[in-house]
N, C-alpha and C. Protein backbone atom coordinates (compact mmCIF):
# COMPACT_ATOMS: atom_id res chain seq x y z
N MET A 1 125.40 129.17 84.20
CA MET A 1 125.75 130.56 83.88
C MET A 1 127.25 130.72 83.95
N ASP A 2 127.76 131.71 83.24
CA ASP A 2 129.19 131.92 83.13
C ASP A 2 129.68 132.82 84.25
N ARG A 3 129.42 132.38 85.51
CA ARG A 3 129.85 133.13 86.68
C ARG A 3 130.24 132.18 87.79
N ALA A 4 131.24 132.57 88.57
CA ALA A 4 131.60 131.81 89.76
C ALA A 4 130.53 132.03 90.83
N PRO A 5 130.39 131.10 91.79
CA PRO A 5 129.36 131.26 92.83
C PRO A 5 129.42 132.59 93.56
N ARG A 6 130.61 133.10 93.82
CA ARG A 6 130.72 134.36 94.55
C ARG A 6 130.19 135.55 93.76
N ALA A 7 130.06 135.38 92.43
CA ALA A 7 129.57 136.47 91.59
C ALA A 7 128.09 136.37 91.29
N VAL A 8 127.40 135.40 91.92
CA VAL A 8 125.97 135.21 91.69
C VAL A 8 125.19 135.88 92.80
N ALA A 9 124.25 136.74 92.44
CA ALA A 9 123.43 137.44 93.43
C ALA A 9 122.52 136.45 94.15
N PRO A 10 122.06 136.77 95.36
CA PRO A 10 121.13 135.88 96.08
C PRO A 10 119.89 135.62 95.25
N PRO A 11 119.32 134.42 95.37
CA PRO A 11 118.13 134.08 94.58
C PRO A 11 116.95 134.96 94.94
N PRO A 12 116.12 135.32 93.96
CA PRO A 12 114.99 136.22 94.19
C PRO A 12 113.74 135.45 94.55
N VAL A 13 112.67 136.18 94.82
CA VAL A 13 111.35 135.56 94.92
C VAL A 13 110.93 135.14 93.51
N THR A 14 109.95 134.23 93.44
CA THR A 14 109.57 133.67 92.14
C THR A 14 109.19 134.73 91.13
N ALA A 15 108.47 135.77 91.57
CA ALA A 15 108.00 136.80 90.64
C ALA A 15 109.15 137.53 89.96
N ASP A 16 110.34 137.52 90.57
CA ASP A 16 111.48 138.24 90.02
C ASP A 16 112.51 137.32 89.37
N SER A 17 112.17 136.03 89.23
CA SER A 17 113.17 135.07 88.75
C SER A 17 113.57 135.34 87.31
N GLY A 18 112.63 135.80 86.46
CA GLY A 18 112.96 136.08 85.07
C GLY A 18 114.00 137.18 84.95
N ALA A 19 113.80 138.27 85.68
CA ALA A 19 114.76 139.38 85.64
C ALA A 19 116.11 138.95 86.20
N TRP A 20 116.08 138.13 87.27
CA TRP A 20 117.32 137.64 87.86
C TRP A 20 118.11 136.80 86.87
N ALA A 21 117.43 135.89 86.18
CA ALA A 21 118.10 135.04 85.19
C ALA A 21 118.64 135.88 84.04
N GLY A 22 117.87 136.88 83.60
CA GLY A 22 118.33 137.74 82.52
C GLY A 22 119.56 138.54 82.90
N THR A 23 119.59 139.03 84.14
CA THR A 23 120.74 139.80 84.62
C THR A 23 122.01 138.97 84.62
N HIS A 24 121.86 137.68 84.92
CA HIS A 24 123.02 136.79 84.99
C HIS A 24 123.30 136.07 83.66
N ASP A 25 122.52 136.38 82.62
CA ASP A 25 122.69 135.72 81.32
C ASP A 25 122.64 134.20 81.47
N ALA A 26 121.70 133.72 82.28
CA ALA A 26 121.60 132.30 82.58
C ALA A 26 120.97 131.54 81.42
N VAL A 27 121.36 130.28 81.27
CA VAL A 27 120.84 129.37 80.25
C VAL A 27 120.40 128.10 80.97
N HIS A 28 119.31 127.51 80.52
CA HIS A 28 118.85 126.27 81.13
C HIS A 28 119.86 125.16 80.88
N GLY A 29 120.25 124.48 81.94
CA GLY A 29 121.26 123.44 81.85
C GLY A 29 120.67 122.05 81.93
N GLY A 30 120.89 121.26 80.88
CA GLY A 30 120.46 119.88 80.89
C GLY A 30 119.00 119.67 80.55
N GLU A 31 118.12 120.46 81.15
CA GLU A 31 116.68 120.30 80.95
C GLU A 31 115.99 121.65 81.06
N ALA A 32 115.00 121.86 80.21
CA ALA A 32 114.11 123.01 80.32
C ALA A 32 112.69 122.48 80.40
N LEU A 33 111.91 123.02 81.34
CA LEU A 33 110.50 122.66 81.46
C LEU A 33 109.65 123.82 80.95
N VAL A 34 108.77 123.51 80.04
CA VAL A 34 107.85 124.51 79.49
C VAL A 34 106.43 124.04 79.77
N ARG A 35 105.68 124.84 80.51
CA ARG A 35 104.29 124.53 80.84
C ARG A 35 103.38 125.41 79.99
N ILE A 36 102.48 124.80 79.24
CA ILE A 36 101.59 125.52 78.33
C ILE A 36 100.16 125.23 78.74
N THR A 37 99.43 126.24 79.16
CA THR A 37 98.01 126.09 79.50
C THR A 37 97.18 126.60 78.32
N VAL A 38 96.30 125.74 77.81
CA VAL A 38 95.52 126.06 76.60
C VAL A 38 94.04 125.98 76.94
N GLN A 39 93.27 127.01 76.54
CA GLN A 39 91.83 126.99 76.75
C GLN A 39 91.14 127.67 75.58
N GLY A 40 89.85 127.36 75.41
CA GLY A 40 89.06 127.99 74.37
C GLY A 40 88.47 129.31 74.83
N ARG A 41 87.80 129.97 73.91
CA ARG A 41 87.19 131.27 74.20
C ARG A 41 85.83 131.12 74.87
N SER A 42 85.08 130.05 74.54
CA SER A 42 83.73 129.88 75.08
C SER A 42 83.57 128.46 75.61
N PRO A 43 82.55 128.20 76.47
CA PRO A 43 82.34 126.86 77.00
C PRO A 43 81.75 125.89 75.98
N SER A 44 81.18 126.40 74.89
CA SER A 44 80.49 125.52 73.94
C SER A 44 81.28 125.26 72.66
N ASP A 45 82.12 126.21 72.24
CA ASP A 45 82.88 126.06 70.99
C ASP A 45 84.26 125.48 71.30
N ALA A 46 84.44 124.20 70.97
CA ALA A 46 85.69 123.52 71.30
C ALA A 46 86.79 123.86 70.30
N VAL A 47 88.02 123.89 70.78
CA VAL A 47 89.20 124.01 69.95
C VAL A 47 89.93 122.68 70.01
N VAL A 48 90.31 122.15 68.86
CA VAL A 48 91.00 120.87 68.80
C VAL A 48 92.50 121.13 68.64
N LEU A 49 93.30 120.54 69.51
CA LEU A 49 94.75 120.62 69.44
C LEU A 49 95.25 119.37 68.71
N HIS A 50 95.95 119.56 67.60
CA HIS A 50 96.30 118.44 66.74
C HIS A 50 97.72 117.92 66.93
N ALA A 51 98.68 118.80 67.20
CA ALA A 51 100.07 118.36 67.26
C ALA A 51 100.93 119.42 67.92
N LEU A 52 102.02 118.98 68.51
CA LEU A 52 103.03 119.88 69.09
C LEU A 52 104.36 119.53 68.46
N HIS A 53 104.95 120.51 67.75
CA HIS A 53 106.20 120.28 67.03
C HIS A 53 107.36 121.00 67.71
N VAL A 54 108.54 120.41 67.58
CA VAL A 54 109.77 121.00 68.12
C VAL A 54 110.62 121.47 66.94
N ARG A 55 111.04 122.74 66.98
CA ARG A 55 111.88 123.30 65.92
C ARG A 55 113.20 123.77 66.53
N VAL A 56 114.30 123.13 66.12
CA VAL A 56 115.64 123.53 66.56
C VAL A 56 116.22 124.47 65.52
N VAL A 57 116.60 125.66 65.96
CA VAL A 57 117.09 126.66 65.01
C VAL A 57 118.61 126.79 65.03
N ASP A 58 119.27 126.27 66.09
CA ASP A 58 120.72 126.38 66.15
C ASP A 58 121.26 125.36 67.14
N ARG A 59 122.42 124.78 66.79
CA ARG A 59 123.11 123.84 67.68
C ARG A 59 124.58 124.25 67.76
N ALA A 60 125.14 124.16 68.97
CA ALA A 60 126.56 124.41 69.18
C ALA A 60 127.04 123.46 70.28
N ALA A 61 128.34 123.49 70.56
CA ALA A 61 128.87 122.65 71.63
C ALA A 61 128.31 123.12 72.98
N PRO A 62 128.14 122.18 73.93
CA PRO A 62 127.64 122.59 75.27
C PRO A 62 128.51 123.68 75.87
N LEU A 63 127.90 124.58 76.60
CA LEU A 63 128.62 125.69 77.19
C LEU A 63 129.49 125.21 78.35
N PRO A 64 130.73 125.69 78.45
CA PRO A 64 131.64 125.27 79.53
C PRO A 64 131.44 126.13 80.78
N TRP A 65 130.22 126.21 81.27
CA TRP A 65 129.88 127.09 82.39
C TRP A 65 129.57 126.27 83.63
N ASN A 66 129.55 126.96 84.78
CA ASN A 66 129.08 126.34 86.01
C ASN A 66 127.59 126.03 85.90
N ALA A 67 127.19 124.92 86.51
CA ALA A 67 125.78 124.51 86.52
C ALA A 67 125.24 124.67 87.94
N TYR A 68 124.14 125.39 88.07
CA TYR A 68 123.51 125.64 89.37
C TYR A 68 122.20 124.87 89.43
N ARG A 69 122.09 123.99 90.43
CA ARG A 69 120.85 123.25 90.59
C ARG A 69 119.82 124.13 91.27
N MET A 70 118.56 124.07 90.77
CA MET A 70 117.52 125.00 91.20
C MET A 70 116.32 124.27 91.75
N ASP A 71 115.52 124.98 92.55
CA ASP A 71 114.28 124.43 93.08
C ASP A 71 113.24 124.32 92.00
N ASN A 72 112.17 123.57 92.26
CA ASN A 72 111.05 123.48 91.34
C ASN A 72 110.31 124.79 91.26
N GLY A 73 109.73 125.06 90.10
CA GLY A 73 108.96 126.28 89.90
C GLY A 73 107.53 126.14 90.39
N CYS A 74 106.72 127.14 90.08
CA CYS A 74 105.34 127.12 90.53
C CYS A 74 104.54 126.12 89.73
N GLY A 75 103.54 125.57 90.33
CA GLY A 75 102.70 124.58 89.68
C GLY A 75 101.45 125.21 89.12
N GLY A 76 100.63 124.38 88.48
CA GLY A 76 99.39 124.86 87.91
C GLY A 76 98.21 124.18 88.55
N ALA A 77 97.01 124.68 88.25
CA ALA A 77 95.80 124.11 88.83
C ALA A 77 95.25 122.97 88.00
N VAL A 78 95.79 122.75 86.80
CA VAL A 78 95.31 121.72 85.89
C VAL A 78 96.33 120.59 85.85
N THR A 79 95.87 119.34 85.91
CA THR A 79 96.77 118.20 85.79
C THR A 79 97.34 118.16 84.38
N PRO A 80 98.66 118.18 84.22
CA PRO A 80 99.22 118.35 82.87
C PRO A 80 99.34 117.06 82.08
N ARG A 81 99.38 117.22 80.75
CA ARG A 81 99.82 116.18 79.84
C ARG A 81 101.33 116.31 79.70
N HIS A 82 102.06 115.22 79.88
CA HIS A 82 103.51 115.28 79.89
C HIS A 82 104.09 114.89 78.53
N PHE A 83 105.12 115.66 78.12
CA PHE A 83 105.81 115.38 76.86
C PHE A 83 107.32 115.43 77.11
N ALA A 84 108.04 114.50 76.48
CA ALA A 84 109.49 114.46 76.58
C ALA A 84 110.09 114.79 75.22
N VAL A 85 111.14 115.63 75.23
CA VAL A 85 111.83 116.03 74.00
C VAL A 85 113.32 115.76 74.18
N ASP A 86 113.91 115.02 73.26
CA ASP A 86 115.35 114.78 73.25
C ASP A 86 115.96 115.71 72.22
N LEU A 87 116.54 116.80 72.68
CA LEU A 87 117.10 117.80 71.77
C LEU A 87 118.35 117.32 71.06
N ASP A 88 118.93 116.21 71.50
CA ASP A 88 120.13 115.69 70.85
C ASP A 88 119.81 114.87 69.60
N ARG A 89 118.55 114.54 69.38
CA ARG A 89 118.18 113.81 68.17
C ARG A 89 118.19 114.75 66.97
N PRO A 90 118.47 114.23 65.77
CA PRO A 90 118.50 115.08 64.58
C PRO A 90 117.17 115.80 64.33
N ARG A 91 116.04 115.11 64.60
CA ARG A 91 114.71 115.72 64.44
C ARG A 91 113.92 115.45 65.72
N PRO A 92 114.06 116.31 66.72
CA PRO A 92 113.41 116.07 68.02
C PRO A 92 111.88 116.06 67.88
N LEU A 93 111.25 115.18 68.64
CA LEU A 93 109.80 115.07 68.69
C LEU A 93 109.32 115.31 70.11
N ALA A 94 108.11 115.87 70.24
CA ALA A 94 107.45 115.99 71.54
C ALA A 94 106.67 114.70 71.76
N ARG A 95 107.23 113.80 72.57
CA ARG A 95 106.68 112.45 72.74
C ARG A 95 105.84 112.38 74.00
N PRO A 96 104.56 111.98 73.91
CA PRO A 96 103.75 111.84 75.12
C PRO A 96 104.32 110.77 76.05
N VAL A 97 104.43 111.08 77.33
CA VAL A 97 104.95 110.13 78.32
C VAL A 97 104.05 110.14 79.54
N ASP A 98 104.14 109.08 80.35
CA ASP A 98 103.41 109.03 81.60
C ASP A 98 103.93 110.11 82.54
N GLY A 99 103.03 110.64 83.38
CA GLY A 99 103.41 111.63 84.37
C GLY A 99 102.88 111.24 85.73
N LEU A 100 103.10 112.11 86.72
CA LEU A 100 102.63 111.89 88.08
C LEU A 100 101.83 113.10 88.53
N ASP A 101 100.71 112.86 89.19
CA ASP A 101 99.89 113.92 89.76
C ASP A 101 100.08 113.89 91.27
N ALA A 102 100.75 114.91 91.80
CA ALA A 102 101.00 115.00 93.24
C ALA A 102 100.16 116.08 93.89
N SER A 103 99.01 116.43 93.28
CA SER A 103 98.18 117.52 93.80
C SER A 103 97.37 117.10 95.03
N SER A 104 97.24 115.80 95.27
CA SER A 104 96.49 115.32 96.44
C SER A 104 97.43 114.53 97.35
N ALA A 105 96.87 113.99 98.42
CA ALA A 105 97.69 113.25 99.38
C ALA A 105 98.28 111.99 98.76
N GLU A 106 97.58 111.41 97.80
CA GLU A 106 98.05 110.19 97.15
C GLU A 106 98.52 110.50 95.74
N VAL A 107 99.80 110.25 95.47
CA VAL A 107 100.36 110.48 94.14
C VAL A 107 99.84 109.42 93.19
N ARG A 108 99.34 109.86 92.02
CA ARG A 108 98.81 108.90 91.06
C ARG A 108 99.49 109.08 89.71
N LYS A 109 99.52 107.99 88.97
CA LYS A 109 100.13 107.99 87.65
C LYS A 109 99.16 108.57 86.63
N ILE A 110 99.69 109.40 85.73
CA ILE A 110 98.90 109.97 84.63
C ILE A 110 99.34 109.28 83.35
N PRO A 111 98.50 108.44 82.76
CA PRO A 111 98.91 107.74 81.53
C PRO A 111 99.14 108.72 80.38
N ALA A 112 100.09 108.37 79.53
CA ALA A 112 100.36 109.19 78.35
C ALA A 112 99.17 109.13 77.39
N VAL A 113 98.79 110.28 76.85
CA VAL A 113 97.69 110.37 75.89
C VAL A 113 98.17 111.19 74.69
N SER A 114 98.01 110.64 73.51
CA SER A 114 98.46 111.33 72.29
C SER A 114 97.41 112.33 71.82
N PHE A 115 97.83 113.26 70.96
CA PHE A 115 96.89 114.17 70.30
C PHE A 115 95.93 113.36 69.44
N PRO A 116 94.73 113.94 69.16
CA PRO A 116 94.28 115.31 69.45
C PRO A 116 93.63 115.44 70.83
N TYR A 117 93.59 116.70 71.32
CA TYR A 117 92.87 117.08 72.53
C TYR A 117 91.84 118.15 72.17
N LYS A 118 90.77 118.22 72.94
CA LYS A 118 89.77 119.27 72.80
C LYS A 118 89.79 120.16 74.04
N VAL A 119 89.69 121.48 73.82
CA VAL A 119 89.65 122.43 74.93
C VAL A 119 88.51 123.42 74.73
N THR A 120 87.94 123.89 75.83
CA THR A 120 86.98 124.98 75.84
C THR A 120 87.40 125.94 76.94
N SER A 121 86.63 127.00 77.15
CA SER A 121 86.96 127.93 78.22
C SER A 121 86.81 127.30 79.60
N SER A 122 85.94 126.30 79.70
CA SER A 122 85.72 125.64 81.00
C SER A 122 86.47 124.32 81.13
N ASP A 123 87.10 123.87 80.07
CA ASP A 123 87.81 122.60 80.10
C ASP A 123 89.18 122.78 79.43
N PRO A 124 90.14 123.39 80.14
CA PRO A 124 91.46 123.64 79.55
C PRO A 124 92.33 122.39 79.58
N GLU A 125 93.46 122.50 78.90
CA GLU A 125 94.49 121.48 78.96
C GLU A 125 95.80 122.15 79.34
N GLU A 126 96.64 121.41 80.06
CA GLU A 126 97.98 121.90 80.37
C GLU A 126 98.99 120.91 79.83
N LEU A 127 99.92 121.40 79.04
CA LEU A 127 100.97 120.58 78.44
C LEU A 127 102.28 120.92 79.13
N LEU A 128 102.94 119.92 79.69
CA LEU A 128 104.22 120.12 80.36
C LEU A 128 105.31 119.43 79.54
N VAL A 129 106.17 120.24 78.94
CA VAL A 129 107.20 119.75 78.04
C VAL A 129 108.54 119.74 78.76
N SER A 130 109.18 118.59 78.79
CA SER A 130 110.53 118.45 79.35
C SER A 130 111.50 118.24 78.21
N ALA A 131 112.31 119.26 77.92
CA ALA A 131 113.27 119.20 76.81
C ALA A 131 114.67 119.03 77.40
N ARG A 132 115.34 117.96 77.02
CA ARG A 132 116.65 117.62 77.58
C ARG A 132 117.73 117.57 76.51
N THR A 133 118.96 117.88 76.94
CA THR A 133 120.12 117.73 76.09
C THR A 133 121.34 117.44 76.95
N ALA A 134 122.23 116.63 76.40
CA ALA A 134 123.54 116.41 77.02
C ALA A 134 124.66 116.86 76.11
N GLY A 135 124.36 116.97 74.81
CA GLY A 135 125.44 117.17 73.85
C GLY A 135 125.42 118.44 73.04
N CYS A 136 124.54 119.39 73.36
CA CYS A 136 124.53 120.61 72.54
C CYS A 136 124.09 121.82 73.36
N ASP A 137 124.40 122.96 72.83
CA ASP A 137 123.82 124.25 73.26
C ASP A 137 122.76 124.54 72.20
N CYS A 138 121.50 124.24 72.52
CA CYS A 138 120.42 124.25 71.53
C CYS A 138 119.51 125.45 71.71
N ARG A 139 119.14 126.06 70.60
CA ARG A 139 118.11 127.09 70.57
C ARG A 139 116.92 126.51 69.82
N TRP A 140 115.73 126.59 70.42
CA TRP A 140 114.59 125.86 69.89
C TRP A 140 113.29 126.54 70.30
N TYR A 141 112.21 126.17 69.62
CA TYR A 141 110.88 126.65 70.00
C TYR A 141 109.86 125.57 69.69
N LEU A 142 108.63 125.81 70.10
CA LEU A 142 107.54 124.86 69.89
C LEU A 142 106.48 125.47 68.98
N GLU A 143 105.77 124.61 68.24
CA GLU A 143 104.62 125.04 67.44
C GLU A 143 103.44 124.13 67.78
N LEU A 144 102.32 124.75 68.11
CA LEU A 144 101.10 124.02 68.46
C LEU A 144 100.07 124.22 67.36
N GLU A 145 99.64 123.11 66.74
CA GLU A 145 98.63 123.17 65.68
C GLU A 145 97.23 123.03 66.29
N TRP A 146 96.27 123.87 65.82
CA TRP A 146 94.92 123.84 66.35
C TRP A 146 93.91 124.09 65.24
N SER A 147 92.66 123.73 65.51
CA SER A 147 91.57 124.04 64.59
C SER A 147 90.30 124.27 65.39
N ALA A 148 89.40 125.07 64.82
CA ALA A 148 88.12 125.36 65.48
C ALA A 148 87.19 126.02 64.47
N GLY A 149 85.94 125.57 64.41
CA GLY A 149 84.95 126.20 63.57
C GLY A 149 85.35 126.32 62.12
N GLY A 150 86.05 125.34 61.57
CA GLY A 150 86.48 125.40 60.20
C GLY A 150 87.75 126.17 59.95
N ARG A 151 88.33 126.73 60.98
CA ARG A 151 89.59 127.47 60.85
C ARG A 151 90.72 126.65 61.44
N THR A 152 91.94 126.91 60.97
CA THR A 152 93.12 126.23 61.49
C THR A 152 94.19 127.27 61.80
N GLY A 153 95.13 126.89 62.62
CA GLY A 153 96.20 127.81 62.96
C GLY A 153 97.36 127.09 63.62
N THR A 154 98.48 127.79 63.71
CA THR A 154 99.67 127.30 64.38
C THR A 154 100.20 128.39 65.29
N VAL A 155 100.40 128.07 66.55
CA VAL A 155 100.93 129.02 67.53
C VAL A 155 102.39 128.71 67.78
N ARG A 156 103.25 129.70 67.64
CA ARG A 156 104.66 129.54 67.98
C ARG A 156 104.85 129.89 69.46
N ILE A 157 105.49 129.00 70.20
CA ILE A 157 105.70 129.18 71.63
C ILE A 157 107.19 129.38 71.86
N THR A 158 107.55 130.55 72.36
CA THR A 158 108.95 130.94 72.52
C THR A 158 109.19 131.49 73.92
N ASP A 159 110.42 131.87 74.17
CA ASP A 159 110.80 132.50 75.43
C ASP A 159 110.79 134.01 75.24
N GLY A 160 109.59 134.58 75.33
CA GLY A 160 109.46 136.03 75.17
C GLY A 160 109.82 136.52 73.79
N GLY A 161 109.51 135.72 72.75
CA GLY A 161 109.81 136.11 71.39
C GLY A 161 111.13 135.57 70.86
N LYS A 162 111.95 135.01 71.74
CA LYS A 162 113.23 134.42 71.34
C LYS A 162 113.15 132.91 71.51
N PRO A 163 113.98 132.15 70.79
CA PRO A 163 114.00 130.70 71.02
C PRO A 163 114.39 130.38 72.46
N PHE A 164 113.86 129.28 72.97
CA PHE A 164 114.38 128.75 74.22
C PHE A 164 115.84 128.35 74.00
N ARG A 165 116.62 128.36 75.09
CA ARG A 165 118.02 127.96 74.98
C ARG A 165 118.35 126.98 76.10
N THR A 166 118.81 125.80 75.73
CA THR A 166 119.14 124.77 76.70
C THR A 166 120.49 124.18 76.33
N SER A 167 121.40 124.11 77.30
CA SER A 167 122.74 123.60 77.05
C SER A 167 123.00 122.37 77.90
N GLY A 168 123.69 121.39 77.32
CA GLY A 168 124.14 120.25 78.09
C GLY A 168 125.15 120.68 79.14
N THR A 169 125.20 119.94 80.24
CA THR A 169 126.13 120.24 81.33
C THR A 169 127.10 119.08 81.56
N ARG A 170 127.22 118.20 80.62
CA ARG A 170 128.04 117.00 80.76
C ARG A 170 129.49 117.38 81.05
N GLY A 171 130.02 116.84 82.13
CA GLY A 171 131.41 117.05 82.47
C GLY A 171 131.69 118.35 83.20
N GLU A 172 130.65 119.18 83.44
CA GLU A 172 130.88 120.45 84.13
C GLU A 172 130.55 120.32 85.61
N ALA A 173 131.07 121.22 86.39
CA ALA A 173 130.82 121.21 87.83
C ALA A 173 129.35 121.51 88.10
N ASP A 174 128.83 120.89 89.14
CA ASP A 174 127.44 121.13 89.54
C ASP A 174 127.46 121.87 90.85
N VAL A 175 127.28 123.18 90.80
CA VAL A 175 127.28 124.00 92.01
C VAL A 175 125.88 123.94 92.61
N ARG A 176 125.73 123.29 93.75
CA ARG A 176 124.40 123.01 94.29
C ARG A 176 123.87 124.19 95.11
N ALA A 177 123.69 125.29 94.44
CA ALA A 177 123.07 126.44 95.08
C ALA A 177 121.55 126.27 95.06
N ARG A 178 120.86 126.66 96.11
CA ARG A 178 119.40 126.55 96.16
C ARG A 178 118.80 127.81 95.57
N LEU A 179 118.61 127.80 94.27
CA LEU A 179 118.13 128.96 93.54
C LEU A 179 116.77 128.65 92.94
N ARG A 180 115.92 129.67 92.83
CA ARG A 180 114.64 129.51 92.17
C ARG A 180 114.83 129.60 90.66
N PRO A 181 114.08 128.80 89.89
CA PRO A 181 114.28 128.78 88.45
C PRO A 181 113.59 129.94 87.76
N ARG A 182 114.00 130.17 86.55
CA ARG A 182 113.26 131.06 85.67
C ARG A 182 112.07 130.29 85.13
N ALA A 183 110.88 130.79 85.38
CA ALA A 183 109.68 130.08 84.94
C ALA A 183 109.57 130.12 83.43
N LEU A 184 109.08 129.03 82.86
CA LEU A 184 108.80 128.98 81.43
C LEU A 184 107.35 128.56 81.27
N ASP A 185 106.46 129.40 81.80
CA ASP A 185 105.04 129.09 81.78
C ASP A 185 104.33 129.99 80.77
N HIS A 186 103.46 129.40 79.98
CA HIS A 186 102.70 130.15 78.98
C HIS A 186 101.23 129.79 79.08
N ARG A 187 100.38 130.76 78.89
CA ARG A 187 98.95 130.50 78.82
C ARG A 187 98.47 130.92 77.44
N LEU A 188 97.77 130.01 76.75
CA LEU A 188 97.24 130.28 75.42
C LEU A 188 95.73 130.28 75.49
N GLU A 189 95.11 131.25 74.88
CA GLU A 189 93.66 131.26 74.73
C GLU A 189 93.36 131.22 73.24
N LEU A 190 92.72 130.14 72.80
CA LEU A 190 92.52 129.90 71.38
C LEU A 190 91.04 129.93 71.04
N TRP A 191 90.71 130.57 69.95
CA TRP A 191 89.36 130.48 69.42
C TRP A 191 89.44 130.73 67.92
N THR A 192 88.32 130.93 67.26
CA THR A 192 88.33 130.81 65.80
C THR A 192 89.10 131.91 65.09
N ASN A 193 89.22 133.08 65.65
CA ASN A 193 89.86 134.13 64.85
C ASN A 193 90.92 134.92 65.61
N ARG A 194 91.36 134.38 66.73
CA ARG A 194 92.36 135.14 67.47
C ARG A 194 93.15 134.19 68.36
N VAL A 195 94.43 134.48 68.53
CA VAL A 195 95.27 133.73 69.46
C VAL A 195 95.98 134.74 70.36
N THR A 196 95.89 134.54 71.64
CA THR A 196 96.55 135.41 72.61
C THR A 196 97.49 134.57 73.45
N ILE A 197 98.72 135.04 73.65
CA ILE A 197 99.69 134.37 74.50
C ILE A 197 100.13 135.36 75.57
N TRP A 198 100.07 134.93 76.83
CA TRP A 198 100.61 135.78 77.87
C TRP A 198 101.25 134.91 78.94
N PRO A 199 102.29 135.43 79.66
CA PRO A 199 103.01 134.61 80.62
C PRO A 199 102.27 134.55 81.96
N VAL A 200 102.55 133.49 82.72
CA VAL A 200 102.06 133.37 84.08
C VAL A 200 103.21 132.93 84.97
N CYS A 201 102.98 132.97 86.30
CA CYS A 201 103.98 132.53 87.28
C CYS A 201 105.27 133.34 87.21
N GLY A 202 105.14 134.62 86.86
CA GLY A 202 106.30 135.50 86.93
C GLY A 202 107.31 135.30 85.83
N SER A 203 106.94 134.64 84.72
CA SER A 203 107.90 134.46 83.64
C SER A 203 107.94 135.72 82.78
N THR A 204 108.89 135.70 81.82
CA THR A 204 109.03 136.86 80.95
C THR A 204 108.62 136.52 79.53
């Protein structure tokens, strides 16, 4: 954010992190994590998830701002599928990668699994996207392709209707303040004729 440490208000509770980040005009530095929980409308009618696309709408030089290191955000109840995005590539892709499940006493490796996935109301999927950049101030969004019952659709995943914004922090100071992050959590409910998106974990 474009503020000196003395001008940054104390970190809020998680539920207020979105408003706090908005007040400070904060931008994700280096990496943005987007968690997408997807489920169907009924336990019997499956929705097939076919692909997750990355769309970059604008690139500029990295912002010359202070970088504040933040704590981890809230977790989910579903073990996620992990995806890595390199925003510095000319055509970024959401690439499936191995992840770690630390929900139990023993941490286990989650092998990367490519699309397609099937979801129902009782068998959801969680997609955790890690989008990184070192060389740009990028504005971007995601598109999730799905089909069910002979119908197809594409869901645009944004930051409250606006593109996500992630800036490289290369060469900038790292102010190690213990701040809570702005959550980027989305829950999608998909079925044959309707798509609903609403935030969870106190995001905006």
